[in-house]
Amino acid sequence: MICEKCAGEIKTVKCKICNREILPIGDYCYLCGADLNKKADDEEEPLDLSKRILCSDGTCIGVVENGVCKLCGKPYIPEE
């Protein structure tokens, strides 16, 4: 990449996700949001959210584990 003002060479990196040349100014691609430190072939397994149990308290957004909400600490009361 060439600087418009001084015509000097600007160091760039290539995003492994969008394949565009970008300035190395952070850990993420500012065009697509990809993590620049992560290899393109590192696939994360999708989370299985089908078996999670949400807190039975009407105001909490926590997830129940071992019968207790991990966020608020209240015991899980199943809906009837």
N, C-alpha and C. Protein backbone atom coordinates (compact mmCIF):
# COMPACT_ATOMS: atom_id res chain seq x y z
N MET A 1 0.86 -1.16 0.00
CA MET A 1 0.00 0.00 0.00
C MET A 1 0.91 1.24 0.00
N ILE A 2 0.52 2.24 -0.75
CA ILE A 2 1.32 3.45 -0.89
C ILE A 2 0.61 4.62 -0.19
N CYS A 3 1.38 5.39 0.57
CA CYS A 3 0.85 6.57 1.25
C CYS A 3 0.50 7.64 0.21
N GLU A 4 -0.68 8.21 0.32
CA GLU A 4 -1.12 9.23 -0.63
C GLU A 4 -0.34 10.54 -0.49
N LYS A 5 0.17 10.83 0.71
CA LYS A 5 0.86 12.10 0.94
C LYS A 5 2.34 12.05 0.58
N CYS A 6 3.04 10.98 1.03
CA CYS A 6 4.49 10.95 0.81
C CYS A 6 4.92 9.92 -0.22
N ALA A 7 4.01 9.13 -0.71
CA ALA A 7 4.27 8.07 -1.69
C ALA A 7 5.18 6.97 -1.14
N GLY A 8 5.30 6.91 0.18
CA GLY A 8 6.09 5.86 0.81
C GLY A 8 5.28 4.58 0.97
N GLU A 9 6.00 3.50 1.15
CA GLU A 9 5.36 2.20 1.33
C GLU A 9 4.80 2.10 2.75
N ILE A 10 3.57 1.63 2.87
CA ILE A 10 2.92 1.43 4.16
C ILE A 10 2.83 -0.07 4.41
N LYS A 11 3.28 -0.49 5.60
CA LYS A 11 3.22 -1.91 5.94
C LYS A 11 1.76 -2.33 6.11
N THR A 12 1.40 -3.42 5.50
CA THR A 12 0.04 -3.96 5.61
C THR A 12 0.10 -5.45 5.93
N VAL A 13 -1.03 -5.96 6.35
CA VAL A 13 -1.18 -7.40 6.54
C VAL A 13 -2.41 -7.83 5.75
N LYS A 14 -2.45 -9.10 5.41
CA LYS A 14 -3.60 -9.62 4.67
C LYS A 14 -4.52 -10.36 5.63
N CYS A 15 -5.78 -9.96 5.65
CA CYS A 15 -6.76 -10.64 6.48
C CYS A 15 -7.02 -12.03 5.90
N LYS A 16 -6.97 -13.03 6.76
CA LYS A 16 -7.14 -14.41 6.30
C LYS A 16 -8.60 -14.76 6.04
N ILE A 17 -9.51 -13.89 6.43
CA ILE A 17 -10.93 -14.15 6.21
C ILE A 17 -11.45 -13.42 4.97
N CYS A 18 -11.24 -12.10 4.92
CA CYS A 18 -11.76 -11.34 3.77
C CYS A 18 -10.71 -11.15 2.67
N ASN A 19 -9.47 -11.58 2.93
CA ASN A 19 -8.37 -11.53 1.95
C ASN A 19 -8.06 -10.13 1.44
N ARG A 20 -8.27 -9.12 2.28
CA ARG A 20 -7.95 -7.75 1.88
C ARG A 20 -6.73 -7.26 2.63
N GLU A 21 -5.96 -6.41 1.99
CA GLU A 21 -4.79 -5.80 2.61
C GLU A 21 -5.26 -4.69 3.55
N ILE A 22 -4.85 -4.77 4.81
CA ILE A 22 -5.27 -3.78 5.80
C ILE A 22 -4.07 -3.29 6.60
N LEU A 23 -4.23 -2.16 7.25
CA LEU A 23 -3.19 -1.65 8.13
C LEU A 23 -3.19 -2.46 9.42
N PRO A 24 -2.02 -2.80 9.94
CA PRO A 24 -1.96 -3.60 11.17
C PRO A 24 -2.14 -2.73 12.41
N ILE A 25 -3.36 -2.26 12.65
CA ILE A 25 -3.59 -1.33 13.75
C ILE A 25 -4.36 -1.95 14.92
N GLY A 26 -4.55 -3.23 14.90
CA GLY A 26 -5.26 -3.88 16.00
C GLY A 26 -5.24 -5.39 15.85
N ASP A 27 -5.97 -6.05 16.73
CA ASP A 27 -6.04 -7.51 16.70
C ASP A 27 -7.14 -8.02 15.78
N TYR A 28 -7.99 -7.11 15.29
CA TYR A 28 -9.11 -7.51 14.45
C TYR A 28 -9.10 -6.73 13.14
N CYS A 29 -9.57 -7.37 12.10
CA CYS A 29 -9.69 -6.71 10.79
C CYS A 29 -10.75 -5.63 10.90
N TYR A 30 -10.41 -4.41 10.51
CA TYR A 30 -11.37 -3.32 10.62
C TYR A 30 -12.37 -3.33 9.46
N LEU A 31 -12.22 -4.25 8.53
CA LEU A 31 -13.18 -4.35 7.43
C LEU A 31 -14.22 -5.45 7.67
N CYS A 32 -13.77 -6.59 8.22
CA CYS A 32 -14.72 -7.69 8.41
C CYS A 32 -14.86 -8.14 9.86
N GLY A 33 -13.97 -7.66 10.75
CA GLY A 33 -14.06 -8.01 12.16
C GLY A 33 -13.36 -9.30 12.55
N ALA A 34 -12.69 -9.94 11.63
CA ALA A 34 -12.03 -11.22 11.91
C ALA A 34 -10.84 -11.02 12.86
N ASP A 35 -10.59 -12.03 13.68
CA ASP A 35 -9.44 -12.03 14.58
C ASP A 35 -8.19 -12.27 13.74
N LEU A 36 -7.29 -11.29 13.72
CA LEU A 36 -6.09 -11.40 12.89
C LEU A 36 -5.06 -12.37 13.47
N ASN A 37 -5.19 -12.70 14.75
CA ASN A 37 -4.25 -13.62 15.38
C ASN A 37 -4.68 -15.07 15.26
N LYS A 38 -5.86 -15.30 14.76
CA LYS A 38 -6.40 -16.65 14.63
C LYS A 38 -6.16 -17.15 13.22
N LYS A 39 -5.77 -18.40 13.12
CA LYS A 39 -5.56 -18.99 11.81
C LYS A 39 -6.91 -19.22 11.13
N ALA A 40 -6.95 -19.10 9.83
CA ALA A 40 -8.20 -19.23 9.07
C ALA A 40 -8.79 -20.63 9.18
N ASP A 41 -7.94 -21.64 9.35
CA ASP A 41 -8.46 -23.01 9.40
C ASP A 41 -8.85 -23.45 10.80
N ASP A 42 -8.72 -22.56 11.79
CA ASP A 42 -9.16 -22.88 13.15
C ASP A 42 -10.68 -22.78 13.21
N GLU A 43 -11.33 -23.89 13.14
CA GLU A 43 -12.80 -23.91 13.20
C GLU A 43 -13.23 -24.19 14.62
N GLU A 44 -14.09 -23.37 15.13
CA GLU A 44 -14.66 -23.63 16.45
C GLU A 44 -15.93 -24.45 16.28
N GLU A 45 -16.10 -25.40 17.18
CA GLU A 45 -17.32 -26.19 17.14
C GLU A 45 -18.48 -25.32 17.60
N PRO A 46 -19.61 -25.41 16.93
CA PRO A 46 -20.76 -24.60 17.35
C PRO A 46 -21.25 -25.04 18.73
N LEU A 47 -21.71 -24.07 19.50
CA LEU A 47 -22.24 -24.37 20.82
C LEU A 47 -23.59 -25.06 20.70
N ASP A 48 -23.78 -26.09 21.51
CA ASP A 48 -25.07 -26.77 21.56
C ASP A 48 -25.88 -26.14 22.69
N LEU A 49 -26.79 -25.27 22.34
CA LEU A 49 -27.59 -24.57 23.33
C LEU A 49 -28.93 -25.26 23.59
N SER A 50 -29.17 -26.38 22.94
CA SER A 50 -30.47 -27.03 23.06
C SER A 50 -30.71 -27.63 24.45
N LYS A 51 -29.66 -27.96 25.19
CA LYS A 51 -29.82 -28.59 26.49
C LYS A 51 -29.63 -27.62 27.66
N ARG A 52 -29.39 -26.36 27.39
CA ARG A 52 -29.18 -25.42 28.49
C ARG A 52 -30.51 -25.12 29.17
N ILE A 53 -30.44 -24.83 30.44
CA ILE A 53 -31.62 -24.50 31.23
C ILE A 53 -31.44 -23.07 31.73
N LEU A 54 -32.38 -22.22 31.39
CA LEU A 54 -32.32 -20.83 31.82
C LEU A 54 -32.88 -20.69 33.23
N CYS A 55 -32.42 -19.69 33.94
CA CYS A 55 -32.86 -19.43 35.30
C CYS A 55 -34.37 -19.26 35.34
N SER A 56 -34.99 -19.83 36.37
CA SER A 56 -36.45 -19.76 36.47
C SER A 56 -36.92 -18.44 37.08
N ASP A 57 -36.00 -17.64 37.60
CA ASP A 57 -36.35 -16.31 38.10
C ASP A 57 -36.73 -15.46 36.89
N GLY A 58 -37.78 -14.74 36.96
CA GLY A 58 -38.26 -13.99 35.80
C GLY A 58 -37.39 -12.83 35.37
N THR A 59 -36.44 -12.42 36.19
CA THR A 59 -35.64 -11.25 35.86
C THR A 59 -34.18 -11.58 35.57
N CYS A 60 -33.75 -12.81 35.85
CA CYS A 60 -32.35 -13.19 35.68
C CYS A 60 -32.12 -13.79 34.29
N ILE A 61 -30.94 -13.56 33.75
CA ILE A 61 -30.59 -14.10 32.44
C ILE A 61 -29.56 -15.22 32.54
N GLY A 62 -29.38 -15.75 33.74
CA GLY A 62 -28.37 -16.77 33.98
C GLY A 62 -28.76 -18.14 33.46
N VAL A 63 -27.79 -19.04 33.50
CA VAL A 63 -27.97 -20.43 33.07
C VAL A 63 -27.81 -21.33 34.29
N VAL A 64 -28.68 -22.33 34.38
CA VAL A 64 -28.68 -23.24 35.52
C VAL A 64 -27.67 -24.35 35.30
N GLU A 65 -26.88 -24.59 36.33
CA GLU A 65 -25.92 -25.69 36.32
C GLU A 65 -25.96 -26.34 37.69
N ASN A 66 -26.14 -27.65 37.72
CA ASN A 66 -26.25 -28.40 38.98
C ASN A 66 -27.38 -27.88 39.86
N GLY A 67 -28.49 -27.49 39.25
CA GLY A 67 -29.67 -27.08 39.98
C GLY A 67 -29.66 -25.66 40.50
N VAL A 68 -28.61 -24.90 40.21
CA VAL A 68 -28.48 -23.53 40.71
C VAL A 68 -28.08 -22.60 39.57
N CYS A 69 -28.67 -21.41 39.56
CA CYS A 69 -28.32 -20.42 38.54
C CYS A 69 -26.88 -19.95 38.77
N LYS A 70 -26.09 -19.95 37.71
CA LYS A 70 -24.69 -19.54 37.82
C LYS A 70 -24.56 -18.03 38.01
N LEU A 71 -25.60 -17.27 37.68
CA LEU A 71 -25.52 -15.82 37.78
C LEU A 71 -26.05 -15.29 39.10
N CYS A 72 -27.27 -15.69 39.46
CA CYS A 72 -27.88 -15.13 40.67
C CYS A 72 -27.81 -16.06 41.88
N GLY A 73 -27.52 -17.34 41.65
CA GLY A 73 -27.37 -18.29 42.75
C GLY A 73 -28.67 -18.89 43.26
N LYS A 74 -29.78 -18.53 42.65
CA LYS A 74 -31.07 -19.07 43.10
C LYS A 74 -31.24 -20.50 42.60
N PRO A 75 -31.94 -21.34 43.38
CA PRO A 75 -32.18 -22.71 42.93
C PRO A 75 -33.16 -22.72 41.76
N TYR A 76 -32.99 -23.71 40.90
CA TYR A 76 -33.86 -23.85 39.74
C TYR A 76 -35.19 -24.45 40.15
N ILE A 77 -36.27 -23.80 39.74
CA ILE A 77 -37.62 -24.30 39.99
C ILE A 77 -38.24 -24.56 38.62
N PRO A 78 -38.42 -25.84 38.26
CA PRO A 78 -38.95 -26.16 36.93
C PRO A 78 -40.37 -25.64 36.74
N GLU A 79 -40.67 -25.26 35.51
CA GLU A 79 -42.03 -24.83 35.18
C GLU A 79 -42.93 -26.04 35.14
N GLU A 80 -44.15 -25.86 35.58
CA GLU A 80 -45.09 -26.99 35.57
C GLU A 80 -46.14 -26.79 34.53
